[in-house]
């Protein structure tokens, strides 16, 4: 099936893209919505500009549109973008968020598209283990919950990080995959990337359990 994959550059959307390819779907486009405010209800904000690099890394065309980020209005912006594409379905990285999944499904129904959610209702711990086992290179670029300090920004998601996330889950109830908005991630490399993303310059801002690592400059480099 010809599909567009909704991407943010974060681990869930990239893993969903990877899974969709493995399922045999023809990924015609990556689609990104660029919110004009950090507190968008639906869309990832930190480093969304790096979807340009993701597109080149996986060699799939990127289509994008801006949105005000205002609740519900941003859905119309997504609908307009998807309506302009010659595809039969939409891939998204929803894991357990009914808010996100229901709204994407509604747009798909209105456009007569199929909603593909490869990660839906899978165990968050299993998803993180899969990402680590597949050797995805993922770093944390945003933290927004009690229990996260400045040292989390830029930290790679590996086995040691997973242990710490499990501890925070047990102590504070955070979502292991951050689907409650507790943290945001950025994928720099994955098995199906033709090139990897290298950060050249970044800026860290952190205050009271909330912070972001903003990538100011990045490039694509060959994989070895």
Protein backbone atom coordinates (compact mmCIF):
# COMPACT_ATOMS: atom_id res chain seq x y z
CA UNK A 1 0.00 0.00 0.00
CA UNK A 2 1.22 3.50 -0.82
CA UNK A 3 1.52 5.42 2.42
CA UNK A 4 2.73 8.64 3.97
CA UNK A 5 4.54 8.28 7.29
CA UNK A 6 4.02 10.98 9.89
CA UNK A 7 7.47 11.76 11.29
CA UNK A 8 8.90 13.97 13.99
CA UNK A 9 12.46 12.68 14.08
CA UNK A 10 11.67 10.98 17.38
CA UNK A 11 11.98 7.26 18.14
CA UNK A 12 8.30 6.27 17.92
CA UNK A 13 7.70 7.74 14.48
CA UNK A 14 10.99 6.36 13.13
CA UNK A 15 10.33 2.89 14.56
CA UNK A 16 6.82 2.97 13.07
CA UNK A 17 8.36 3.92 9.71
CA UNK A 18 10.82 1.03 10.00
CA UNK A 19 8.02 -1.39 10.89
CA UNK A 20 5.83 -0.15 8.02
CA UNK A 21 8.64 -0.84 5.58
CA UNK A 22 9.05 -4.34 7.03
CA UNK A 23 5.30 -4.87 6.59
CA UNK A 24 5.76 -4.26 2.87
CA UNK A 25 4.21 -0.80 2.58
CA UNK A 26 5.55 1.58 -0.05
CA UNK A 27 6.55 4.73 1.85
CA UNK A 28 5.96 7.44 -0.75
CA UNK A 29 6.38 10.40 1.59
CA UNK A 30 7.48 11.45 5.04
CA UNK A 31 5.02 14.02 6.37
CA UNK A 32 5.83 16.55 9.09
CA UNK A 33 3.69 19.19 10.73
CA UNK A 34 5.68 22.13 12.08
CA UNK A 35 3.91 23.69 15.10
CA UNK A 36 4.45 27.39 15.76
CA UNK A 37 4.22 26.85 19.52
CA UNK A 38 6.03 24.47 21.86
CA UNK A 39 2.85 23.27 23.60
CA UNK A 40 1.15 21.74 20.57
CA UNK A 41 -1.47 19.17 21.58
CA UNK A 42 -0.66 16.82 18.73
CA UNK A 43 2.78 17.45 17.31
CA UNK A 44 6.40 17.08 18.43
CA UNK A 45 8.22 20.41 18.73
CA UNK A 46 11.94 20.12 19.69
CA UNK A 47 14.17 19.78 16.61
CA UNK A 48 11.30 19.19 14.20
CA UNK A 49 13.48 21.01 11.64
CA UNK A 50 15.71 17.92 11.51
CA UNK A 51 13.04 16.01 9.62
CA UNK A 52 14.80 17.49 6.56
CA UNK A 53 17.91 15.53 7.53
CA UNK A 54 15.83 12.42 8.27
CA UNK A 55 14.31 12.61 4.80
CA UNK A 56 17.73 12.67 3.16
CA UNK A 57 19.09 9.99 5.49
CA UNK A 58 16.37 7.50 4.47
CA UNK A 59 16.03 8.84 0.90
CA UNK A 60 12.27 9.42 1.07
CA UNK A 61 10.75 12.79 0.05
CA UNK A 62 9.52 15.03 2.86
CA UNK A 63 6.31 17.06 2.70
CA UNK A 64 5.54 19.47 5.48
CA UNK A 65 3.16 22.16 6.59
CA UNK A 66 3.07 24.70 9.38
CA UNK A 67 0.34 24.85 12.00
CA UNK A 68 -0.59 27.34 14.68
CA UNK A 69 -0.49 24.51 17.23
CA UNK A 70 -3.91 25.54 18.55
CA UNK A 71 -5.96 22.57 19.74
CA UNK A 72 -8.14 21.02 16.97
CA UNK A 73 -7.17 23.74 14.45
CA UNK A 74 -3.86 21.94 13.92
CA UNK A 75 -5.78 18.87 12.77
CA UNK A 76 -7.16 20.79 9.81
CA UNK A 77 -3.60 21.66 8.79
CA UNK A 78 -2.68 17.97 8.90
CA UNK A 79 -5.78 17.08 6.89
CA UNK A 80 -4.93 19.60 4.16
CA UNK A 81 -1.41 18.22 3.87
CA UNK A 82 -2.55 14.59 3.64
CA UNK A 83 -5.31 15.46 1.17
CA UNK A 84 -2.68 16.73 -1.25
CA UNK A 85 -0.83 13.39 -1.41
CA UNK A 86 -1.40 10.44 -3.73
CA UNK A 87 -1.40 7.77 -1.02
CA UNK A 88 -3.73 5.11 0.34
CA UNK A 89 -2.75 5.19 4.00
CA UNK A 90 -1.02 7.05 6.82
CA UNK A 91 1.54 5.61 9.23
CA UNK A 92 1.82 7.03 12.75
CA UNK A 93 3.80 6.12 15.84
CA UNK A 94 1.00 6.09 18.40
CA UNK A 95 1.64 3.62 21.23
CA UNK A 96 -1.12 4.20 23.75
CA UNK A 97 -2.36 7.77 23.21
CA UNK A 98 -6.02 7.53 22.24
CA UNK A 99 -6.07 11.32 21.83
CA UNK A 100 -3.55 11.12 18.99
CA UNK A 101 -4.81 7.90 17.42
CA UNK A 102 -8.50 8.86 17.35
CA UNK A 103 -7.82 12.17 15.66
CA UNK A 104 -5.56 10.70 13.02
CA UNK A 105 -8.13 7.96 12.36
CA UNK A 106 -10.87 10.56 11.98
CA UNK A 107 -8.83 12.44 9.38
CA UNK A 108 -8.11 9.17 7.57
CA UNK A 109 -11.81 8.30 7.49
CA UNK A 110 -12.68 11.72 6.07
CA UNK A 111 -10.03 11.30 3.35
CA UNK A 112 -10.76 7.61 2.72
CA UNK A 113 -7.28 6.60 3.88
CA UNK A 114 -6.20 3.67 6.02
CA UNK A 115 -4.61 4.40 9.39
CA UNK A 116 -1.53 2.24 10.03
CA UNK A 117 -0.29 2.13 13.63
CA UNK A 118 2.49 -0.47 13.85
CA UNK A 119 3.28 0.23 17.53
CA UNK A 120 -0.26 0.44 18.89
CA UNK A 121 -0.75 -1.13 22.33
CA UNK A 122 2.68 -2.73 22.42
CA UNK A 123 4.51 -2.85 25.75
CA UNK A 124 6.66 0.29 26.11
CA UNK A 125 9.47 -1.72 27.69
CA UNK A 126 9.51 -4.07 24.70
CA UNK A 127 9.60 -1.14 22.26
CA UNK A 128 12.61 0.41 23.98
CA UNK A 129 14.38 -2.94 24.07
CA UNK A 130 13.70 -3.35 20.35
CA UNK A 131 15.15 0.08 19.60
CA UNK A 132 18.28 -0.80 21.56
CA UNK A 133 18.60 -4.29 20.03
CA UNK A 134 18.24 -2.88 16.51
CA UNK A 135 21.02 -0.40 17.32
CA UNK A 136 18.96 2.71 16.73
CA UNK A 137 21.03 5.68 17.90
CA UNK A 138 18.52 7.77 19.84
CA UNK A 139 19.18 10.69 22.17
CA UNK A 140 16.87 12.52 24.55
CA UNK A 141 16.35 16.13 23.48
CA UNK A 142 13.52 17.29 25.73
CA UNK A 143 12.53 16.58 29.36
CA UNK A 144 9.34 17.84 30.97
CA UNK A 145 8.68 15.85 34.14
CA UNK A 146 9.76 15.50 37.75
CA UNK A 147 12.70 13.13 38.05
CA UNK A 148 14.56 14.35 34.97
CA UNK A 149 17.55 16.60 35.53
CA UNK A 150 19.86 18.40 33.11
CA UNK A 151 22.04 15.29 32.66
CA UNK A 152 19.25 13.62 30.67
CA UNK A 153 19.57 16.06 27.78
CA UNK A 154 21.69 14.51 25.05
CA UNK A 155 21.71 11.10 26.77
CA UNK A 156 21.62 8.12 24.44
CA UNK A 157 18.87 5.56 24.98
CA UNK A 158 20.80 2.39 25.78
CA UNK A 159 20.51 -0.39 28.35
CA UNK A 160 21.78 1.82 31.19
CA UNK A 161 19.34 4.60 30.27
CA UNK A 162 16.51 2.07 30.09
CA UNK A 163 17.24 0.98 33.66
CA UNK A 164 17.00 4.61 34.80
CA UNK A 165 13.73 5.10 32.90
CA UNK A 166 12.29 2.02 34.60
CA UNK A 167 13.28 3.52 37.96
CA UNK A 168 11.52 6.80 37.10
CA UNK A 169 8.48 4.85 35.94
CA UNK A 170 8.30 3.02 39.26
CA UNK A 171 8.95 6.13 41.34
CA UNK A 172 7.00 8.82 39.47
CA UNK A 173 4.81 6.91 37.02
CA UNK A 174 6.34 8.38 33.86
CA UNK A 175 5.64 6.66 30.55
CA UNK A 176 8.69 4.62 29.55
CA UNK A 177 8.34 5.84 25.98
CA UNK A 178 7.45 9.39 27.02
CA UNK A 179 4.03 9.30 25.41
CA UNK A 180 2.63 11.40 28.22
CA UNK A 181 4.97 14.19 27.13
CA UNK A 182 7.58 13.40 29.79
CA UNK A 183 10.44 13.42 27.31
CA UNK A 184 11.20 13.79 23.60
CA UNK A 185 13.81 12.01 21.54
CA UNK A 186 15.78 12.34 18.32
CA UNK A 187 16.95 9.47 16.10
CA UNK A 188 20.40 10.00 14.63
CA UNK A 189 20.82 6.58 13.02
CA UNK A 190 18.90 3.36 12.39
CA UNK A 191 19.47 0.15 10.40
CA UNK A 192 17.63 1.46 7.33
CA UNK A 193 19.32 4.88 7.26
CA UNK A 194 21.57 5.33 4.24
CA UNK A 195 23.48 8.05 6.10
CA UNK A 196 23.55 9.02 9.76
CA UNK A 197 22.83 12.40 11.28
CA UNK A 198 25.73 14.07 13.09
CA UNK A 199 25.15 17.01 15.41
CA UNK A 200 27.65 19.81 14.90
CA UNK A 201 26.27 22.46 17.22
CA UNK A 202 23.60 22.39 19.91
CA UNK A 203 22.26 24.54 22.73
CA UNK A 204 20.92 23.30 26.06
CA UNK A 205 18.28 25.11 28.09
CA UNK A 206 17.12 23.63 31.40
CA UNK A 207 15.14 24.93 34.37
CA UNK A 208 13.17 23.14 37.11
CA UNK A 209 12.67 19.62 35.67
CA UNK A 210 12.09 20.98 32.18
CA UNK A 211 14.60 21.47 29.42
CA UNK A 212 15.46 21.06 25.78
CA UNK A 213 18.53 20.34 23.69
CA UNK A 214 18.15 22.36 20.49
CA UNK A 215 20.24 21.26 17.52
CA UNK A 216 21.56 24.38 15.84
CA UNK A 217 23.57 22.68 13.13
CA UNK A 218 23.72 19.11 11.85
CA UNK A 219 24.98 17.23 8.82
CA UNK A 220 24.72 13.81 7.20
CA UNK A 221 27.75 11.55 7.22
CA UNK A 222 28.55 8.20 5.66
CA UNK A 223 27.95 5.02 7.65
CA UNK A 224 30.72 2.52 8.19
